[in-house]
Amino acid sequence: VLCLSAAIVGLAVGLGAAHPRFDAADGAQVTSGYAGLLFMILSALLVLASVTVLAWPVYHSFRATWLGWDSGAAELGAMLAGLAAVAALCLLALLSAMQTGARRLAALEATGG
């Protein structure tokens, strides 16, 4: 959850910097724009991808616990691999969104617009 929170905040800041709406009268106009819609779609896809990656290892872990089996190295390894994959996906989303936002905001400042 910590990784997802950081990635979603990074998406919000990065997309907000990449597509600023400084002339918006209120926050509702910002969220209904292109960047707001793109942020909502990308953050939902990020959560969906994270849940999809972790679904199978969590299922096997819960099944083993339910049936009274010991969780072996395979279940633990799959869980750690899934968590590492989600952490890498979140880090990629965070860094790419923030870098894109910084580049576009710097280009906007350079043009004086």
PDB file of N, CA and C in Angstrom:
ATOM      1  N   VAL A   1       0.826  -1.187   0.000  1.00  0.00           N
ATOM      2  CA  VAL A   1       0.000   0.000   0.000  1.00  0.00           C
ATOM      3  C   VAL A   1       0.873   1.254   0.000  1.00  0.00           C
ATOM      4  N   LEU A   2       1.996   1.190   0.697  1.00  0.00           N
ATOM      5  CA  LEU A   2       2.894   2.338   0.730  1.00  0.00           C
ATOM      6  C   LEU A   2       3.444   2.635  -0.667  1.00  0.00           C
ATOM      7  N   CYS A   3       3.835   1.596  -1.374  1.00  0.00           N
ATOM      8  CA  CYS A   3       4.342   1.783  -2.742  1.00  0.00           C
ATOM      9  C   CYS A   3       3.259   2.336  -3.661  1.00  0.00           C
ATOM     10  N   LEU A   4       2.060   1.790  -3.567  1.00  0.00           N
ATOM     11  CA  LEU A   4       0.959   2.286  -4.395  1.00  0.00           C
ATOM     12  C   LEU A   4       0.624   3.734  -4.070  1.00  0.00           C
ATOM     13  N   SER A   5       0.641   4.087  -2.799  1.00  0.00           N
ATOM     14  CA  SER A   5       0.348   5.472  -2.415  1.00  0.00           C
ATOM     15  C   SER A   5       1.368   6.434  -3.002  1.00  0.00           C
ATOM     16  N   ALA A   6       2.642   6.062  -2.901  1.00  0.00           N
ATOM     17  CA  ALA A   6       3.688   6.929  -3.458  1.00  0.00           C
ATOM     18  C   ALA A   6       3.564   7.036  -4.975  1.00  0.00           C
ATOM     19  N   ALA A   7       3.265   5.925  -5.629  1.00  0.00           N
ATOM     20  CA  ALA A   7       3.138   5.945  -7.093  1.00  0.00           C
ATOM     21  C   ALA A   7       1.936   6.776  -7.537  1.00  0.00           C
ATOM     22  N   ILE A   8       0.830   6.675  -6.843  1.00  0.00           N
ATOM     23  CA  ILE A   8      -0.365   7.437  -7.224  1.00  0.00           C
ATOM     24  C   ILE A   8      -0.153   8.933  -6.980  1.00  0.00           C
ATOM     25  N   VAL A   9       0.511   9.275  -5.890  1.00  0.00           N
ATOM     26  CA  VAL A   9       0.834  10.685  -5.655  1.00  0.00           C
ATOM     27  C   VAL A   9       1.803  11.190  -6.727  1.00  0.00           C
ATOM     28  N   GLY A  10       2.783  10.361  -7.094  1.00  0.00           N
ATOM     29  CA  GLY A  10       3.708  10.732  -8.166  1.00  0.00           C
ATOM     30  C   GLY A  10       3.004  10.928  -9.497  1.00  0.00           C
ATOM     31  N   LEU A  11       2.031  10.067  -9.792  1.00  0.00           N
ATOM     32  CA  LEU A  11       1.232  10.254 -11.013  1.00  0.00           C
ATOM     33  C   LEU A  11       0.468  11.570 -10.973  1.00  0.00           C
ATOM     34  N   ALA A  12      -0.117  11.877  -9.835  1.00  0.00           N
ATOM     35  CA  ALA A  12      -0.894  13.110  -9.717  1.00  0.00           C
ATOM     36  C   ALA A  12      -0.015  14.341  -9.895  1.00  0.00           C
ATOM     37  N   VAL A  13       1.123  14.349  -9.226  1.00  0.00           N
ATOM     38  CA  VAL A  13       2.021  15.506  -9.317  1.00  0.00           C
ATOM     39  C   VAL A  13       2.618  15.608 -10.716  1.00  0.00           C
ATOM     40  N   GLY A  14       3.062  14.480 -11.251  1.00  0.00           N
ATOM     41  CA  GLY A  14       3.677  14.481 -12.577  1.00  0.00           C
ATOM     42  C   GLY A  14       2.717  14.891 -13.675  1.00  0.00           C
ATOM     43  N   LEU A  15       1.507  14.344 -13.655  1.00  0.00           N
ATOM     44  CA  LEU A  15       0.532  14.721 -14.683  1.00  0.00           C
ATOM     45  C   LEU A  15       0.028  16.145 -14.487  1.00  0.00           C
ATOM     46  N   GLY A  16      -0.049  16.580 -13.233  1.00  0.00           N
ATOM     47  CA  GLY A  16      -0.433  17.965 -12.974  1.00  0.00           C
ATOM     48  C   GLY A  16       0.606  18.947 -13.477  1.00  0.00           C
ATOM     49  N   ALA A  17       1.871  18.567 -13.365  1.00  0.00           N
ATOM     50  CA  ALA A  17       2.941  19.431 -13.870  1.00  0.00           C
ATOM     51  C   ALA A  17       3.046  19.358 -15.386  1.00  0.00           C
ATOM     52  N   ALA A  18       2.747  18.188 -15.955  1.00  0.00           N
ATOM     53  CA  ALA A  18       2.843  18.026 -17.405  1.00  0.00           C
ATOM     54  C   ALA A  18       1.706  18.747 -18.130  1.00  0.00           C
ATOM     55  N   HIS A  19       0.539  18.776 -17.523  1.00  0.00           N
ATOM     56  CA  HIS A  19      -0.634  19.415 -18.147  1.00  0.00           C
ATOM     57  C   HIS A  19      -1.278  20.392 -17.161  1.00  0.00           C
ATOM     58  N   PRO A  20      -0.607  21.498 -16.851  1.00  0.00           N
ATOM     59  CA  PRO A  20      -1.161  22.423 -15.847  1.00  0.00           C
ATOM     60  C   PRO A  20      -2.361  23.195 -16.392  1.00  0.00           C
ATOM     61  N   ARG A  21      -3.261  23.523 -15.486  1.00  0.00           N
ATOM     62  CA  ARG A  21      -4.411  24.378 -15.824  1.00  0.00           C
ATOM     63  C   ARG A  21      -4.423  25.519 -14.824  1.00  0.00           C
ATOM     64  N   PHE A  22      -3.532  26.463 -15.053  1.00  0.00           N
ATOM     65  CA  PHE A  22      -3.410  27.589 -14.133  1.00  0.00           C
ATOM     66  C   PHE A  22      -4.594  28.547 -14.229  1.00  0.00           C
ATOM     67  N   ASP A  23      -5.323  28.474 -15.333  1.00  0.00           N
ATOM     68  CA  ASP A  23      -6.454  29.388 -15.524  1.00  0.00           C
ATOM     69  C   ASP A  23      -7.772  28.818 -14.993  1.00  0.00           C
ATOM     70  N   ALA A  24      -7.751  27.646 -14.376  1.00  0.00           N
ATOM     71  CA  ALA A  24      -8.982  27.032 -13.877  1.00  0.00           C
ATOM     72  C   ALA A  24      -9.531  27.833 -12.701  1.00  0.00           C
ATOM     73  N   ALA A  25     -10.842  28.002 -12.699  1.00  0.00           N
ATOM     74  CA  ALA A  25     -11.488  28.775 -11.644  1.00  0.00           C
ATOM     75  C   ALA A  25     -11.589  27.984 -10.341  1.00  0.00           C
ATOM     76  N   ASP A  26     -11.769  26.668 -10.431  1.00  0.00           N
ATOM     77  CA  ASP A  26     -11.846  25.836  -9.231  1.00  0.00           C
ATOM     78  C   ASP A  26     -11.296  24.441  -9.527  1.00  0.00           C
ATOM     79  N   GLY A  27     -11.226  23.619  -8.496  1.00  0.00           N
ATOM     80  CA  GLY A  27     -10.640  22.290  -8.616  1.00  0.00           C
ATOM     81  C   GLY A  27     -11.439  21.348  -9.491  1.00  0.00           C
ATOM     82  N   ALA A  28     -12.738  21.560  -9.600  1.00  0.00           N
ATOM     83  CA  ALA A  28     -13.563  20.673 -10.420  1.00  0.00           C
ATOM     84  C   ALA A  28     -13.192  20.787 -11.899  1.00  0.00           C
ATOM     85  N   GLN A  29     -12.788  21.966 -12.331  1.00  0.00           N
ATOM     86  CA  GLN A  29     -12.367  22.120 -13.723  1.00  0.00           C
ATOM     87  C   GLN A  29     -11.060  21.391 -13.991  1.00  0.00           C
ATOM     88  N   VAL A  30     -10.190  21.329 -13.010  1.00  0.00           N
ATOM     89  CA  VAL A  30      -8.913  20.649 -13.186  1.00  0.00           C
ATOM     90  C   VAL A  30      -9.133  19.142 -13.304  1.00  0.00           C
ATOM     91  N   THR A  31      -9.960  18.582 -12.445  1.00  0.00           N
ATOM     92  CA  THR A  31     -10.174  17.138 -12.462  1.00  0.00           C
ATOM     93  C   THR A  31     -10.961  16.679 -13.670  1.00  0.00           C
ATOM     94  N   SER A  32     -11.733  17.547 -14.270  1.00  0.00           N
ATOM     95  CA  SER A  32     -12.522  17.142 -15.436  1.00  0.00           C
ATOM     96  C   SER A  32     -11.759  17.330 -16.739  1.00  0.00           C
ATOM     97  N   GLY A  33     -10.532  17.793 -16.670  1.00  0.00           N
ATOM     98  CA  GLY A  33      -9.730  18.000 -17.868  1.00  0.00           C
ATOM     99  C   GLY A  33      -9.013  16.741 -18.305  1.00  0.00           C
ATOM    100  N   TYR A  34      -8.167  16.901 -19.307  1.00  0.00           N
ATOM    101  CA  TYR A  34      -7.423  15.799 -19.891  1.00  0.00           C
ATOM    102  C   TYR A  34      -6.518  15.120 -18.870  1.00  0.00           C
ATOM    103  N   ALA A  35      -5.740  15.884 -18.143  1.00  0.00           N
ATOM    104  CA  ALA A  35      -4.796  15.313 -17.179  1.00  0.00           C
ATOM    105  C   ALA A  35      -5.527  14.628 -16.027  1.00  0.00           C
ATOM    106  N   GLY A  36      -6.632  15.184 -15.589  1.00  0.00           N
ATOM    107  CA  GLY A  36      -7.407  14.560 -14.517  1.00  0.00           C
ATOM    108  C   GLY A  36      -7.963  13.208 -14.917  1.00  0.00           C
ATOM    109  N   LEU A  37      -8.498  13.132 -16.122  1.00  0.00           N
ATOM    110  CA  LEU A  37      -9.027  11.863 -16.616  1.00  0.00           C
ATOM    111  C   LEU A  37      -7.904  10.854 -16.830  1.00  0.00           C
ATOM    112  N   LEU A  38      -6.782  11.311 -17.383  1.00  0.00           N
ATOM    113  CA  LEU A  38      -5.637  10.431 -17.588  1.00  0.00           C
ATOM    114  C   LEU A  38      -5.093   9.925 -16.258  1.00  0.00           C
ATOM    115  N   PHE A  39      -5.043  10.784 -15.249  1.00  0.00           N
ATOM    116  CA  PHE A  39      -4.596  10.370 -13.924  1.00  0.00           C
ATOM    117  C   PHE A  39      -5.505   9.291 -13.354  1.00  0.00           C
ATOM    118  N   MET A  40      -6.806   9.472 -13.467  1.00  0.00           N
ATOM    119  CA  MET A  40      -7.735   8.491 -12.917  1.00  0.00           C
ATOM    120  C   MET A  40      -7.595   7.142 -13.610  1.00  0.00           C
ATOM    121  N   ILE A  41      -7.443   7.156 -14.918  1.00  0.00           N
ATOM    122  CA  ILE A  41      -7.296   5.903 -15.664  1.00  0.00           C
ATOM    123  C   ILE A  41      -5.982   5.218 -15.316  1.00  0.00           C
ATOM    124  N   LEU A  42      -4.882   5.974 -15.306  1.00  0.00           N
ATOM    125  CA  LEU A  42      -3.577   5.377 -15.021  1.00  0.00           C
ATOM    126  C   LEU A  42      -3.475   4.859 -13.585  1.00  0.00           C
ATOM    127  N   SER A  43      -4.050   5.577 -12.643  1.00  0.00           N
ATOM    128  CA  SER A  43      -3.987   5.100 -11.263  1.00  0.00           C
ATOM    129  C   SER A  43      -4.849   3.843 -11.080  1.00  0.00           C
ATOM    130  N   ALA A  44      -6.003   3.782 -11.743  1.00  0.00           N
ATOM    131  CA  ALA A  44      -6.822   2.569 -11.674  1.00  0.00           C
ATOM    132  C   ALA A  44      -6.105   1.390 -12.327  1.00  0.00           C
ATOM    133  N   LEU A  45      -5.429   1.626 -13.440  1.00  0.00           N
ATOM    134  CA  LEU A  45      -4.671   0.554 -14.096  1.00  0.00           C
ATOM    135  C   LEU A  45      -3.493   0.096 -13.235  1.00  0.00           C
ATOM    136  N   LEU A  46      -2.866   1.017 -12.526  1.00  0.00           N
ATOM    137  CA  LEU A  46      -1.768   0.666 -11.638  1.00  0.00           C
ATOM    138  C   LEU A  46      -2.252  -0.225 -10.497  1.00  0.00           C
ATOM    139  N   VAL A  47      -3.366   0.126  -9.897  1.00  0.00           N
ATOM    140  CA  VAL A  47      -3.926  -0.698  -8.822  1.00  0.00           C
ATOM    141  C   VAL A  47      -4.358  -2.054  -9.371  1.00  0.00           C
ATOM    142  N   LEU A  48      -4.975  -2.082 -10.541  1.00  0.00           N
ATOM    143  CA  LEU A  48      -5.397  -3.334 -11.156  1.00  0.00           C
ATOM    144  C   LEU A  48      -4.199  -4.238 -11.446  1.00  0.00           C
ATOM    145  N   ALA A  49      -3.130  -3.663 -11.973  1.00  0.00           N
ATOM    146  CA  ALA A  49      -1.928  -4.455 -12.252  1.00  0.00           C
ATOM    147  C   ALA A  49      -1.325  -4.999 -10.962  1.00  0.00           C
ATOM    148  N   SER A  50      -1.317  -4.213  -9.910  1.00  0.00           N
ATOM    149  CA  SER A  50      -0.766  -4.664  -8.633  1.00  0.00           C
ATOM    150  C   SER A  50      -1.588  -5.813  -8.048  1.00  0.00           C
ATOM    151  N   VAL A  51      -2.886  -5.681  -8.093  1.00  0.00           N
ATOM    152  CA  VAL A  51      -3.753  -6.741  -7.573  1.00  0.00           C
ATOM    153  C   VAL A  51      -3.605  -8.004  -8.416  1.00  0.00           C
ATOM    154  N   THR A  52      -3.493  -7.842  -9.724  1.00  0.00           N
ATOM    155  CA  THR A  52      -3.338  -8.991 -10.608  1.00  0.00           C
ATOM    156  C   THR A  52      -2.038  -9.731 -10.337  1.00  0.00           C
ATOM    157  N   VAL A  53      -0.958  -9.002 -10.139  1.00  0.00           N
ATOM    158  CA  VAL A  53       0.336  -9.640  -9.880  1.00  0.00           C
ATOM    159  C   VAL A  53       0.316 -10.397  -8.553  1.00  0.00           C
ATOM    160  N   LEU A  54      -0.335  -9.861  -7.554  1.00  0.00           N
ATOM    161  CA  LEU A  54      -0.319 -10.470  -6.225  1.00  0.00           C
ATOM    162  C   LEU A  54      -1.438 -11.475  -5.973  1.00  0.00           C
ATOM    163  N   ALA A  55      -2.401 -11.588  -6.870  1.00  0.00           N
ATOM    164  CA  ALA A  55      -3.556 -12.447  -6.623  1.00  0.00           C
ATOM    165  C   ALA A  55      -3.177 -13.919  -6.492  1.00  0.00           C
ATOM    166  N   TRP A  56      -2.380 -14.430  -7.396  1.00  0.00           N
ATOM    167  CA  TRP A  56      -2.049 -15.850  -7.385  1.00  0.00           C
ATOM    168  C   TRP A  56      -1.212 -16.250  -6.158  1.00  0.00           C
ATOM    169  N   PRO A  57      -0.146 -15.531  -5.824  1.00  0.00           N
ATOM    170  CA  PRO A  57       0.599 -15.920  -4.610  1.00  0.00           C
ATOM    171  C   PRO A  57      -0.217 -15.804  -3.326  1.00  0.00           C
ATOM    172  N   VAL A  58      -1.046 -14.801  -3.226  1.00  0.00           N
ATOM    173  CA  VAL A  58      -1.874 -14.641  -2.028  1.00  0.00           C
ATOM    174  C   VAL A  58      -2.901 -15.763  -1.946  1.00  0.00           C
ATOM    175  N   TYR A  59      -3.467 -16.135  -3.074  1.00  0.00           N
ATOM    176  CA  TYR A  59      -4.427 -17.240  -3.100  1.00  0.00           C
ATOM    177  C   TYR A  59      -3.778 -18.527  -2.587  1.00  0.00           C
ATOM    178  N   HIS A  60      -2.586 -18.831  -3.079  1.00  0.00           N
ATOM    179  CA  HIS A  60      -1.908 -20.052  -2.643  1.00  0.00           C
ATOM    180  C   HIS A  60      -1.526 -19.995  -1.171  1.00  0.00           C
ATOM    181  N   SER A  61      -1.136 -18.848  -0.691  1.00  0.00           N
ATOM    182  CA  SER A  61      -0.795 -18.708   0.720  1.00  0.00           C
ATOM    183  C   SER A  61      -2.026 -18.912   1.608  1.00  0.00           C
ATOM    184  N   PHE A  62      -3.137 -18.283   1.239  1.00  0.00           N
ATOM    185  CA  PHE A  62      -4.363 -18.456   2.019  1.00  0.00           C
ATOM    186  C   PHE A  62      -4.892 -19.880   1.934  1.00  0.00           C
ATOM    187  N   ARG A  63      -4.759 -20.504   0.769  1.00  0.00           N
ATOM    188  CA  ARG A  63      -5.234 -21.877   0.607  1.00  0.00           C
ATOM    189  C   ARG A  63      -4.422 -22.813   1.497  1.00  0.00           C
ATOM    190  N   ALA A  64      -3.113 -22.609   1.533  1.00  0.00           N
ATOM    191  CA  ALA A  64      -2.269 -23.443   2.383  1.00  0.00           C
ATOM    192  C   ALA A  64      -2.628 -23.256   3.851  1.00  0.00           C
ATOM    193  N   THR A  65      -2.885 -22.024   4.258  1.00  0.00           N
ATOM    194  CA  THR A  65      -3.262 -21.757   5.645  1.00  0.00           C
ATOM    195  C   THR A  65      -4.618 -22.378   5.965  1.00  0.00           C
ATOM    196  N   TRP A  66      -5.562 -22.275   5.042  1.00  0.00           N
ATOM    197  CA  TRP A  66      -6.906 -22.802   5.249  1.00  0.00           C
ATOM    198  C   TRP A  66      -6.881 -24.323   5.400  1.00  0.00           C
ATOM    199  N   LEU A  67      -6.076 -24.989   4.585  1.00  0.00           N
ATOM    200  CA  LEU A  67      -6.021 -26.440   4.611  1.00  0.00           C
ATOM    201  C   LEU A  67      -5.072 -26.982   5.685  1.00  0.00           C
ATOM    202  N   GLY A  68      -4.408 -26.079   6.399  1.00  0.00           N
ATOM    203  CA  GLY A  68      -3.528 -26.497   7.466  1.00  0.00           C
ATOM    204  C   GLY A  68      -2.151 -26.925   6.996  1.00  0.00           C
ATOM    205  N   TRP A  69      -1.791 -26.590   5.777  1.00  0.00           N
ATOM    206  CA  TRP A  69      -0.472 -26.935   5.255  1.00  0.00           C
ATOM    207  C   TRP A  69       0.524 -25.871   5.696  1.00  0.00           C
ATOM    208  N   ASP A  70       1.738 -26.262   5.732  1.00  0.00           N
ATOM    209  CA  ASP A  70       2.791 -25.289   5.990  1.00  0.00           C
ATOM    210  C   ASP A  70       3.070 -24.516   4.715  1.00  0.00           C
ATOM    211  N   SER A  71       3.209 -23.220   4.848  1.00  0.00           N
ATOM    212  CA  SER A  71       3.601 -22.420   3.690  1.00  0.00           C
ATOM    213  C   SER A  71       5.074 -22.676   3.439  1.00  0.00           C
ATOM    214  N   GLY A  72       5.373 -23.248   2.301  1.00  0.00           N
ATOM    215  CA  GLY A  72       6.743 -23.624   1.994  1.00  0.00           C
ATOM    216  C   GLY A  72       7.510 -22.494   1.340  1.00  0.00           C
ATOM    217  N   ALA A  73       8.683 -22.853   0.895  1.00  0.00           N
ATOM    218  CA  ALA A  73       9.565 -21.878   0.257  1.00  0.00           C
ATOM    219  C   ALA A  73       8.975 -21.382  -1.057  1.00  0.00           C
ATOM    220  N   ALA A  74       8.218 -22.239  -1.742  1.00  0.00           N
ATOM    221  CA  ALA A  74       7.628 -21.828  -3.020  1.00  0.00           C
ATOM    222  C   ALA A  74       6.603 -20.712  -2.817  1.00  0.00           C
ATOM    223  N   GLU A  75       5.756 -20.860  -1.813  1.00  0.00           N
ATOM    224  CA  GLU A  75       4.753 -19.826  -1.539  1.00  0.00           C
ATOM    225  C   GLU A  75       5.411 -18.529  -1.085  1.00  0.00           C
ATOM    226  N   LEU A  76       6.400 -18.653  -0.211  1.00  0.00           N
ATOM    227  CA  LEU A  76       7.103 -17.464   0.267  1.00  0.00           C
ATOM    228  C   LEU A  76       7.869 -16.788  -0.862  1.00  0.00           C
ATOM    229  N   GLY A  77       8.508 -17.572  -1.702  1.00  0.00           N
ATOM    230  CA  GLY A  77       9.237 -17.013  -2.841  1.00  0.00           C
ATOM    231  C   GLY A  77       8.322 -16.316  -3.823  1.00  0.00           C
ATOM    232  N   ALA A  78       7.158 -16.932  -4.092  1.00  0.00           N
ATOM    233  CA  ALA A  78       6.196 -16.315  -5.004  1.00  0.00           C
ATOM    234  C   ALA A  78       5.657 -15.010  -4.429  1.00  0.00           C
ATOM    235  N   MET A  79       5.412 -14.992  -3.119  1.00  0.00           N
ATOM    236  CA  MET A  79       4.912 -13.774  -2.480  1.00  0.00           C
ATOM    237  C   MET A  79       5.965 -12.661  -2.537  1.00  0.00           C
ATOM    238  N   LEU A  80       7.213 -13.002  -2.244  1.00  0.00           N
ATOM    239  CA  LEU A  80       8.274 -11.998  -2.290  1.00  0.00           C
ATOM    240  C   LEU A  80       8.520 -11.513  -3.716  1.00  0.00           C
ATOM    241  N   ALA A  81       8.439 -12.410  -4.682  1.00  0.00           N
ATOM    242  CA  ALA A  81       8.606 -12.010  -6.087  1.00  0.00           C
ATOM    243  C   ALA A  81       7.470 -11.085  -6.519  1.00  0.00           C
ATOM    244  N   GLY A  82       6.248 -11.394  -6.096  1.00  0.00           N
ATOM    245  CA  GLY A  82       5.115 -10.529  -6.417  1.00  0.00           C
ATOM    246  C   GLY A  82       5.248  -9.151  -5.787  1.00  0.00           C
ATOM    247  N   LEU A  83       5.677  -9.114  -4.531  1.00  0.00           N
ATOM    248  CA  LEU A  83       5.864  -7.825  -3.866  1.00  0.00           C
ATOM    249  C   LEU A  83       6.984  -7.023  -4.515  1.00  0.00           C
ATOM    250  N   ALA A  84       8.041  -7.702  -4.922  1.00  0.00           N
ATOM    251  CA  ALA A  84       9.136  -7.005  -5.608  1.00  0.00           C
ATOM    252  C   ALA A  84       8.676  -6.469  -6.963  1.00  0.00           C
ATOM    253  N   ALA A  85       7.860  -7.242  -7.664  1.00  0.00           N
ATOM    254  CA  ALA A  85       7.340  -6.789  -8.960  1.00  0.00           C
ATOM    255  C   ALA A  85       6.432  -5.580  -8.794  1.00  0.00           C
ATOM    256  N   VAL A  86       5.588  -5.590  -7.783  1.00  0.00           N
ATOM    257  CA  VAL A  86       4.700  -4.443  -7.533  1.00  0.00           C
ATOM    258  C   VAL A  86       5.520  -3.221  -7.126  1.00  0.00           C
ATOM    259  N   ALA A  87       6.542  -3.419  -6.308  1.00  0.00           N
ATOM    260  CA  ALA A  87       7.395  -2.297  -5.909  1.00  0.00           C
ATOM    261  C   ALA A  87       8.118  -1.705  -7.116  1.00  0.00           C
ATOM    262  N   ALA A  88       8.598  -2.569  -8.010  1.00  0.00           N
ATOM    263  CA  ALA A  88       9.276  -2.084  -9.217  1.00  0.00           C
ATOM    264  C   ALA A  88       8.301  -1.352 -10.134  1.00  0.00           C
ATOM    265  N   LEU A  89       7.092  -1.867 -10.271  1.00  0.00           N
ATOM    266  CA  LEU A  89       6.079  -1.215 -11.102  1.00  0.00           C
ATOM    267  C   LEU A  89       5.714   0.157 -10.540  1.00  0.00           C
ATOM    268  N   CYS A  90       5.563   0.233  -9.230  1.00  0.00           N
ATOM    269  CA  CYS A  90       5.237   1.510  -8.593  1.00  0.00           C
ATOM    270  C   CYS A  90       6.382   2.506  -8.730  1.00  0.00           C
ATOM    271  N   LEU A  91       7.609   2.034  -8.572  1.00  0.00           N
ATOM    272  CA  LEU A  91       8.762   2.917  -8.720  1.00  0.00           C
ATOM    273  C   LEU A  91       8.870   3.428 -10.153  1.00  0.00           C
ATOM    274  N   LEU A  92       8.610   2.567 -11.112  1.00  0.00           N
ATOM    275  CA  LEU A  92       8.626   2.977 -12.517  1.00  0.00           C
ATOM    276  C   LEU A  92       7.558   4.028 -12.801  1.00  0.00           C
ATOM    277  N   ALA A  93       6.359   3.810 -12.284  1.00  0.00           N
ATOM    278  CA  ALA A  93       5.281   4.779 -12.490  1.00  0.00           C
ATOM    279  C   ALA A  93       5.613   6.116 -11.825  1.00  0.00           C
ATOM    280  N   LEU A  94       6.137   6.060 -10.615  1.00  0.00           N
ATOM    281  CA  LEU A  94       6.489   7.276  -9.879  1.00  0.00           C
ATOM    282  C   LEU A  94       7.555   8.078 -10.610  1.00  0.00           C
ATOM    283  N   LEU A  95       8.648   7.430 -10.959  1.00  0.00           N
ATOM    284  CA  LEU A  95       9.761   8.145 -11.582  1.00  0.00           C
ATOM    285  C   LEU A  95       9.433   8.650 -12.979  1.00  0.00           C
ATOM    286  N   SER A  96       8.751   7.840 -13.772  1.00  0.00           N
ATOM    287  CA  SER A  96       8.439   8.285 -15.141  1.00  0.00           C
ATOM    288  C   SER A  96       7.453   9.450 -15.139  1.00  0.00           C
ATOM    289  N   ALA A  97       6.456   9.410 -14.268  1.00  0.00           N
ATOM    290  CA  ALA A  97       5.493  10.512 -14.215  1.00  0.00           C
ATOM    291  C   ALA A  97       6.146  11.794 -13.712  1.00  0.00           C
ATOM    292  N   MET A  98       6.976  11.678 -12.690  1.00  0.00           N
ATOM    293  CA  MET A  98       7.634  12.865 -12.149  1.00  0.00           C
ATOM    294  C   MET A  98       8.632  13.459 -13.144  1.00  0.00           C
ATOM    295  N   GLN A  99       9.389  12.618 -13.849  1.00  0.00           N
ATOM    296  CA  GLN A  99      10.341  13.126 -14.830  1.00  0.00           C
ATOM    297  C   GLN A  99       9.634  13.777 -16.006  1.00  0.00           C
ATOM    298  N   THR A 100       8.550  13.164 -16.473  1.00  0.00           N
ATOM    299  CA  THR A 100       7.788  13.758 -17.573  1.00  0.00           C
ATOM    300  C   THR A 100       7.211  15.101 -17.155  1.00  0.00           C
ATOM    301  N   GLY A 101       6.650  15.177 -15.965  1.00  0.00           N
ATOM    302  CA  GLY A 101       6.105  16.438 -15.475  1.00  0.00           C
ATOM    303  C   GLY A 101       7.161  17.510 -15.333  1.00  0.00           C
ATOM    304  N   ALA A 102       8.327  17.152 -14.819  1.00  0.00           N
ATOM    305  CA  ALA A 102       9.409  18.132 -14.658  1.00  0.00           C
ATOM    306  C   ALA A 102       9.905  18.639 -16.008  1.00  0.00           C
ATOM    307  N   ARG A 103      10.051  17.746 -16.982  1.00  0.00           N
ATOM    308  CA  ARG A 103      10.503  18.167 -18.316  1.00  0.00           C
ATOM    309  C   ARG A 103       9.493  19.096 -18.981  1.00  0.00           C
ATOM    310  N   ARG A 104       8.211  18.742 -18.898  1.00  0.00           N
ATOM    311  CA  ARG A 104       7.197  19.581 -19.555  1.00  0.00           C
ATOM    312  C   ARG A 104       7.023  20.922 -18.854  1.00  0.00           C
ATOM    313  N   LEU A 105       7.129  20.935 -17.542  1.00  0.00           N
ATOM    314  CA  LEU A 105       7.012  22.194 -16.818  1.00  0.00           C
ATOM    315  C   LEU A 105       8.221  23.085 -17.111  1.00  0.00           C
ATOM    316  N   ALA A 106       9.413  22.482 -17.215  1.00  0.00           N
ATOM    317  CA  ALA A 106      10.610  23.263 -17.556  1.00  0.00           C
ATOM    318  C   ALA A 106      10.503  23.814 -18.972  1.00  0.00           C
ATOM    319  N   ALA A 107       9.952  23.030 -19.895  1.00  0.00           N
ATOM    320  CA  ALA A 107       9.757  23.509 -21.260  1.00  0.00           C
ATOM    321  C   ALA A 107       8.730  24.649 -21.293  1.00  0.00           C
ATOM    322  N   LEU A 108       7.712  24.558 -20.480  1.00  0.00           N
ATOM    323  CA  LEU A 108       6.704  25.616 -20.409  1.00  0.00           C
ATOM    324  C   LEU A 108       7.309  26.892 -19.847  1.00  0.00           C
ATOM    325  N   GLU A 109       8.161  26.785 -18.837  1.00  0.00           N
ATOM    326  CA  GLU A 109       8.821  27.958 -18.283  1.00  0.00           C
ATOM    327  C   GLU A 109       9.811  28.569 -19.271  1.00  0.00           C
ATOM    328  N   ALA A 110      10.461  27.706 -20.045  1.00  0.00           N
ATOM    329  CA  ALA A 110      11.444  28.207 -21.014  1.00  0.00           C
ATOM    330  C   ALA A 110      10.796  29.002 -22.142  1.00  0.00           C
ATOM    331  N   THR A 111       9.572  28.601 -22.506  1.00  0.00           N
ATOM    332  CA  THR A 111       8.872  29.316 -23.573  1.00  0.00           C
ATOM    333  C   THR A 111       8.146  30.545 -23.051  1.00  0.00           C
ATOM    334  N   GLY A 112       8.060  30.657 -21.727  1.00  0.00           N
ATOM    335  CA  GLY A 112       7.403  31.827 -21.142  1.00  0.00           C
ATOM    336  C   GLY A 112       5.895  31.716 -21.147  1.00  0.00           C
ATOM    337  N   GLY A 113       5.368  30.537 -21.377  1.00  0.00           N
ATOM    338  CA  GLY A 113       3.917  30.368 -21.445  1.00  0.00           C
ATOM    339  C   GLY A 113       3.400  29.789 -20.229  1.00  0.00           C
TER     340      GLY A 113
END
